[in-house]
Protein backbone atom coordinates (compact mmCIF):
# COMPACT_ATOMS: atom_id res chain seq x y z
CA MET A 1 48.19 91.63 123.35
CA LEU A 2 47.67 95.10 121.35
CA ASP A 3 44.69 96.25 118.91
CA GLU A 4 45.39 96.30 115.74
CA ARG A 5 45.99 100.45 116.01
CA LYS A 6 47.65 100.46 118.89
CA ALA A 7 49.87 98.18 117.26
CA GLY A 8 50.43 99.80 114.56
CA ILE A 9 51.34 102.90 116.15
CA LEU A 10 53.73 101.16 118.26
CA GLY A 11 55.05 99.69 115.36
CA ALA A 12 55.54 103.30 113.63
CA VAL A 13 57.12 104.73 116.63
CA VAL A 14 59.78 101.64 117.12
CA GLU A 15 60.61 102.09 113.36
CA ALA A 16 60.85 106.00 113.83
CA TYR A 17 63.18 105.85 116.54
CA ILE A 18 65.30 103.37 115.13
CA GLU A 19 66.04 105.48 112.38
CA THR A 20 66.37 108.83 114.06
CA ALA A 21 67.39 108.17 117.66
CA GLN A 22 65.34 110.99 118.59
CA PRO A 23 61.86 111.41 120.78
CA VAL A 24 58.94 110.55 117.98
CA GLY A 25 55.86 112.61 117.94
CA SER A 26 52.28 112.42 116.83
CA SER A 27 52.71 114.24 113.71
CA LEU A 28 55.86 112.29 112.59
CA VAL A 29 53.63 108.82 113.50
CA ALA A 30 50.78 110.29 111.11
CA ARG A 31 52.84 110.34 108.22
CA SER A 32 53.30 106.66 108.50
CA GLU A 33 51.50 104.60 105.71
CA CYS A 34 50.25 101.55 108.06
CA VAL A 35 48.63 104.14 110.53
CA GLY A 36 45.39 105.69 109.28
CA VAL A 37 44.27 107.54 111.84
CA SER A 38 44.48 111.93 113.26
CA SER A 39 47.08 113.52 114.91
CA SER A 40 44.49 113.76 118.06
CA THR A 41 44.20 110.14 118.16
CA ILE A 42 47.84 109.02 117.63
CA ARG A 43 48.67 111.49 120.45
CA ASN A 44 45.71 109.64 122.69
CA GLU A 45 46.72 106.14 121.95
CA MET A 46 50.52 106.90 122.35
CA ALA A 47 49.54 108.34 125.97
CA LEU A 48 47.62 104.98 126.56
CA LEU A 49 50.73 103.17 125.11
CA GLU A 50 52.93 104.99 127.72
CA THR A 51 50.43 104.22 130.34
CA GLU A 52 50.94 100.58 129.23
CA GLY A 53 54.72 100.38 129.82
CA TYR A 54 55.43 100.66 125.87
CA LEU A 55 56.41 103.86 125.47
CA ASP A 56 58.20 106.81 127.93
CA GLN A 57 58.61 110.24 127.46
CA PRO A 58 61.59 111.86 128.51
CA HIS A 59 60.76 114.89 128.94
CA THR A 60 57.27 116.71 129.31
CA SER A 61 57.40 118.55 125.96
CA ALA A 62 59.23 115.88 124.14
CA GLY A 63 57.85 112.64 121.77
CA ARG A 64 58.20 109.27 122.99
CA ILE A 65 60.64 106.63 123.13
CA PRO A 66 60.54 103.06 123.02
CA THR A 67 61.06 100.97 126.01
CA GLU A 68 62.18 97.34 126.09
CA LYS A 69 58.75 95.80 126.49
CA ALA A 70 58.02 98.01 122.91
CA TYR A 71 60.72 96.60 121.45
CA ARG A 72 60.22 92.89 122.78
CA PHE A 73 56.61 93.65 121.14
CA PHE A 74 57.83 94.55 117.76
CA VAL A 75 60.29 91.70 117.09
CA ASP A 76 57.70 89.06 118.54
CA ASN A 77 54.72 90.60 116.36
CA LEU A 78 55.70 93.38 114.05
CA LEU A 79 58.33 92.16 112.18
CA GLY A 80 57.94 91.68 108.34
CA PRO A 81 59.86 89.17 106.69
CA VAL A 82 63.27 88.66 107.88
CA LYS A 83 65.50 89.10 104.54
CA LEU A 84 68.46 91.06 102.93
CA ASP A 85 68.89 92.77 100.25
CA ARG A 86 70.80 91.66 96.82
CA VAL A 87 73.61 93.51 97.56
CA GLU A 88 74.00 92.45 100.81
CA SER A 89 73.12 89.14 99.99
CA GLN A 90 75.96 89.20 97.41
CA GLN A 91 78.61 90.94 99.86
CA ILE A 92 78.01 87.67 102.09
CA LYS A 93 78.52 85.07 99.32
CA SER A 94 81.52 86.91 98.04
CA PHE A 95 83.13 86.63 101.48
CA PHE A 96 82.42 83.10 101.80
CA ASP A 97 83.88 82.41 98.52
CA ARG A 98 87.29 83.99 99.00
CA SER A 99 89.96 81.69 101.03
CA HIS A 100 90.52 81.70 104.25
CA VAL A 101 94.34 80.21 105.11
CA GLU A 102 93.52 78.92 108.89
CA ILE A 103 89.79 78.59 110.55
CA GLU A 104 91.08 80.94 113.31
CA GLN A 105 91.73 83.92 110.85
CA MET A 106 88.09 82.90 108.99
CA LEU A 107 86.57 83.01 112.35
CA GLN A 108 88.43 86.68 113.19
CA GLU A 109 87.21 88.07 109.90
CA THR A 110 83.63 86.78 110.04
CA SER A 111 83.08 88.58 113.52
CA ASN A 112 84.61 91.69 111.69
CA PHE A 113 82.81 91.03 108.81
CA LEU A 114 79.17 90.88 110.63
CA ALA A 115 80.34 94.21 112.37
CA ALA A 116 80.91 96.22 109.25
CA LEU A 117 77.53 94.86 107.47
CA THR A 118 75.23 95.47 110.62
CA GLY A 119 77.48 98.39 112.81
CA SER A 120 77.28 96.34 116.26
CA ALA A 121 79.77 94.13 117.46
CA GLY A 122 79.97 90.60 115.64
CA VAL A 123 80.70 87.80 117.71
CA VAL A 124 81.41 84.32 116.85
CA LEU A 125 82.34 81.16 118.54
CA SER A 126 84.11 78.77 117.31
CA PRO A 127 83.05 74.99 117.01
CA ASP A 128 83.38 73.16 120.00
CA SER A 129 85.40 69.74 120.35
CA ASP A 130 82.35 67.75 119.84
CA HIS A 131 82.32 68.51 116.03
CA GLN A 132 86.00 68.85 115.21
CA THR A 133 87.81 65.32 114.47
CA VAL A 134 91.47 64.89 114.08
CA ARG A 135 92.76 64.64 110.44
CA SER A 136 96.47 64.79 111.14
CA VAL A 137 98.86 64.49 114.29
CA HIS A 138 102.67 64.26 114.19
CA LEU A 139 105.93 65.60 116.11
CA VAL A 140 108.62 67.30 114.43
CA ASP A 141 112.07 67.01 116.06
CA LEU A 142 112.23 71.40 117.14
CA SER A 143 115.80 71.32 118.59
CA PRO A 144 117.82 69.01 120.85
CA ASP A 145 115.98 68.95 123.52
CA GLN A 146 111.89 69.92 122.07
CA LEU A 147 109.84 68.22 119.99
CA LEU A 148 106.65 69.96 118.52
CA LEU A 149 103.55 68.64 118.40
CA VAL A 150 101.19 69.62 115.09
CA LEU A 151 97.76 68.72 115.15
CA VAL A 152 95.51 69.66 112.33
CA THR A 153 91.30 68.88 112.64
CA SER A 154 89.03 68.43 110.09
CA ASN A 155 88.01 72.11 110.33
CA GLY A 156 91.39 73.56 109.63
CA VAL A 157 92.37 74.19 113.12
CA VAL A 158 96.09 73.83 113.62
CA GLU A 159 97.25 73.39 116.99
CA LYS A 160 101.33 73.23 118.45
CA HIS A 161 102.52 72.27 121.05
CA SER A 162 106.30 72.20 122.58
CA LEU A 163 107.22 69.03 124.45
CA ASP A 164 110.26 69.82 126.53
CA VAL A 165 112.55 66.03 126.04
CA SER A 166 115.82 65.44 128.11
CA LYS A 167 118.84 64.78 125.46
CA GLU A 168 119.33 61.27 126.46
CA SER A 169 115.30 60.52 125.51
CA LEU A 170 115.23 62.40 122.42
CA PRO A 171 113.96 59.62 119.92
CA ASN A 172 115.80 58.89 116.86
CA GLU A 173 114.46 59.02 113.39
CA ASN A 174 113.18 55.73 113.57
CA VAL A 175 111.63 55.95 116.82
CA LEU A 176 109.94 59.16 115.53
CA ASP A 177 108.43 57.44 112.35
CA GLN A 178 107.32 55.11 114.65
CA THR A 179 105.38 57.12 116.89
CA ASN A 180 103.87 59.28 114.08
CA GLN A 181 102.53 56.22 111.98
CA HIS A 182 100.72 54.74 115.79
CA LEU A 183 99.29 58.19 116.54
CA SER A 184 97.82 58.68 112.90
CA LYS A 185 96.80 54.81 112.79
CA TYR A 186 94.93 55.21 116.37
CA LEU A 187 93.69 58.93 116.59
CA LYS A 188 92.97 60.10 113.03
CA GLY A 189 89.39 60.56 112.34
CA PHE A 190 88.34 60.37 115.84
CA ARG A 191 86.30 63.46 117.69
CA LEU A 192 88.56 65.43 119.74
CA ASN A 193 86.08 64.71 122.72
CA SER A 194 85.96 60.95 122.12
CA LEU A 195 89.56 60.28 121.58
CA PRO A 196 90.54 56.46 122.08
CA GLU A 197 93.36 55.29 124.39
CA VAL A 198 95.96 54.41 121.82
CA PRO A 199 97.27 50.89 122.68
CA LYS A 200 100.93 49.99 123.44
CA SER A 201 103.01 49.47 120.36
CA GLY A 202 105.55 47.37 122.34
CA ASN A 203 108.47 50.12 122.14
CA PRO A 204 109.33 51.56 125.52
CA SER A 205 110.52 54.72 123.62
CA VAL A 206 107.53 55.05 121.33
CA ASP A 207 105.14 54.30 123.77
CA ASN A 208 106.43 57.22 126.19
CA LEU A 209 106.06 59.64 123.30
CA ILE A 210 102.86 58.63 122.79
CA GLY A 211 102.13 58.90 126.71
CA GLU A 212 102.74 62.90 126.93
CA VAL A 213 100.86 63.41 123.44
CA GLU A 214 98.10 61.82 124.86
CA LYS A 215 98.25 64.62 128.21
CA THR A 216 99.13 67.26 125.90
CA VAL A 217 96.13 66.78 123.51
CA GLY A 218 93.44 66.24 126.64
CA SER A 219 94.96 69.63 128.39
CA LEU A 220 94.63 72.10 124.35
CA PHE A 221 90.81 70.56 123.71
CA HIS A 222 89.31 70.12 127.16
CA SER A 223 86.32 72.19 126.72
CA LYS A 224 87.67 74.22 124.46
CA GLU A 225 86.26 77.05 122.70
CA THR A 226 87.14 80.56 121.35
CA VAL A 227 84.99 83.72 121.14
CA TYR A 228 86.07 86.08 118.36
CA VAL A 229 84.92 89.78 118.63
CA GLY A 230 84.92 92.53 116.26
CA GLY A 231 83.48 96.13 115.25
CA THR A 232 83.75 97.12 119.28
CA SER A 233 84.12 100.70 118.18
CA ALA A 234 80.93 100.43 116.28
CA LEU A 235 79.27 99.21 119.59
CA ALA A 236 81.05 102.01 121.83
CA GLY A 237 79.81 104.63 119.29
CA SER A 238 76.57 103.77 119.59
CA LEU A 239 76.59 103.39 123.59
CA PRO A 240 75.43 106.61 125.75
CA GLU A 241 77.48 106.84 128.60
CA PRO A 242 81.27 106.11 128.93
CA GLU A 243 81.24 104.12 132.04
CA GLY A 244 78.43 101.59 130.57
CA ILE A 245 80.53 101.58 127.41
CA ARG A 246 83.70 100.59 129.47
CA LYS A 247 81.69 98.00 130.96
CA VAL A 248 80.30 96.43 128.21
CA LEU A 249 84.03 96.33 126.54
CA ASP A 250 85.09 94.91 129.58
CA LEU A 251 82.45 91.97 129.27
CA LEU A 252 83.64 91.18 125.57
CA GLU A 253 86.64 90.58 126.83
CA ARG A 254 86.21 87.95 129.02
CA GLN A 255 85.55 84.62 126.91
CA MET A 256 83.97 82.04 129.50
CA ILE A 257 81.09 85.32 130.00
CA VAL A 258 80.69 85.32 126.57
CA VAL A 259 79.95 82.01 126.05
CA SER A 260 77.78 81.21 128.63
CA LEU A 261 75.59 84.32 127.64
CA ILE A 262 75.02 83.06 123.87
CA ARG A 263 74.81 79.18 124.55
CA GLY A 264 71.91 80.45 127.75
CA VAL A 265 70.14 82.19 124.64
CA ILE A 266 70.07 79.76 122.60
CA ASP A 267 69.20 77.56 124.89
CA ARG A 268 66.29 79.25 125.80
CA GLY A 269 65.03 78.97 122.36
CA LEU A 270 65.77 82.52 121.68
CA SER A 271 67.41 84.46 118.76
CA VAL A 272 67.04 87.78 120.01
CA VAL A 273 67.63 89.23 123.86
CA ILE A 274 66.77 92.55 124.78
CA GLY A 275 68.07 94.54 127.47
CA THR A 276 67.22 93.28 130.78
CA GLU A 277 66.36 90.16 129.14
CA SER A 278 69.98 88.95 129.10
CA GLY A 279 70.36 89.03 132.85
CA VAL A 280 73.57 90.92 132.91
CA ASP A 281 73.31 94.70 134.35
CA HIS A 282 76.05 95.73 131.93
CA LEU A 283 73.74 95.01 129.14
CA ALA A 284 70.58 97.15 129.73
CA ASP A 285 71.43 99.20 126.90
CA CYS A 286 71.90 96.27 124.39
CA SER A 287 70.38 94.02 122.54
CA LEU A 288 71.82 90.32 121.20
CA VAL A 289 71.21 88.64 118.49
CA VAL A 290 72.53 85.14 118.01
CA ALA A 291 71.94 82.18 115.53
CA PRO A 292 74.19 78.70 115.79
CA TYR A 293 75.65 77.05 112.99
CA GLU A 294 75.88 73.54 111.57
CA ILE A 295 79.04 71.37 110.72
CA ASP A 296 77.31 68.27 109.16
CA GLY A 297 74.40 68.94 110.15
CA GLU A 298 74.83 69.07 113.63
CA THR A 299 75.00 72.43 115.76
CA ALA A 300 78.58 73.43 116.28
CA GLY A 301 78.79 77.09 117.19
CA SER A 302 77.32 80.22 117.35
CA ILE A 303 77.36 83.58 116.20
CA GLY A 304 75.66 86.91 116.88
CA ILE A 305 76.02 90.46 117.35
CA LEU A 306 75.69 93.01 120.23
CA GLY A 307 74.05 96.51 119.61
CA PRO A 308 72.07 99.21 120.80
CA THR A 309 68.35 98.43 121.98
CA ARG A 310 67.32 100.73 119.06
CA MET A 311 69.47 98.49 116.62
CA ASP A 312 67.63 97.33 113.17
CA TYR A 313 65.80 94.05 114.04
CA THR A 314 65.05 92.92 111.05
CA GLN A 315 68.71 93.43 109.54
CA ALA A 316 69.94 91.70 112.35
CA LEU A 317 68.07 88.90 112.10
CA ALA A 318 68.42 88.36 108.61
CA THR A 319 72.50 88.98 108.37
CA VAL A 320 72.96 86.27 111.44
CA GLY A 321 70.86 84.16 110.09
CA ILE A 322 72.62 84.09 106.33
CA VAL A 323 75.90 84.59 107.77
CA GLY A 324 75.81 81.83 110.61
CA ARG A 325 74.09 79.43 107.41
CA SER A 326 76.94 80.26 104.79
CA LEU A 327 79.62 79.55 107.74
CA GLY A 328 78.05 76.61 108.74
CA ASP A 329 78.38 75.67 105.08
CA HIS A 330 81.98 76.64 104.51
CA LEU A 331 82.80 74.89 107.52
CA THR A 332 81.27 71.56 106.58
CA GLU A 333 82.96 71.79 102.70
CA GLY A 334 86.06 72.08 104.48
């Protein structure tokens, strides 16, 4: 731990660097309201902070910049109350008051909205199959040799999948109606991760169709989780090197890596990982701020922002927190 004076000076350096992206000198720190000592004392303390690994000096004549260790100390010990101002709170309320046609559209728009609020890439993980229940399921006659399976979940996801059938086995209207009634009776209201086996109806034509539906539903929702990313251009503009930008953007396109990364952060009980703490080499210059969201009081998915290590952590934590709660409330209400 740092003593109060060093902590105040370090906090002033971090805040100044977040705001200006320029090395911070003692004269600038001396103007901070929370640092009541002379510039010479500040220079001495900054030198000690550099020795202890909290600050770095890019050039001999330049000021100092925070290290990863400094950001971690800042996040853990120096952040004040995490609140959004009135304007941003109203923006979030207005966003979720709007109607969204389908959940996929809303989740993508939420990631774009997060990016616009924070200037970082917004990331939203869809609700996992543990928290989706079947609202309706039915088959539609699509063509002479195809049926369309339409499945709607409790949080608005609409899944459509075509089933190929031979002309000889194409069901008539009566068989299709029986199949839909049977499917609805035994699947409606169940969670996708624990759908019951549909019992035999006694009609071979109906039972054959039900078997095809069960196989299709199982493949559609087996551990399915989608990542929605918005604002990658804003992230690219805030990173220093073209090669590093390319690697970060490539990573964001690989859904399984993003899902594992965000789940790993939350499983560790963290809301912020900084630089190399992520365990991903390509993210050494980035920080990730995450929060889970709940549906019906249970954690169902996650949201977050990915930005440079010099992001405004106070705003980032407040934004991710309130957007996550608002998203969960919206999905709970349906």
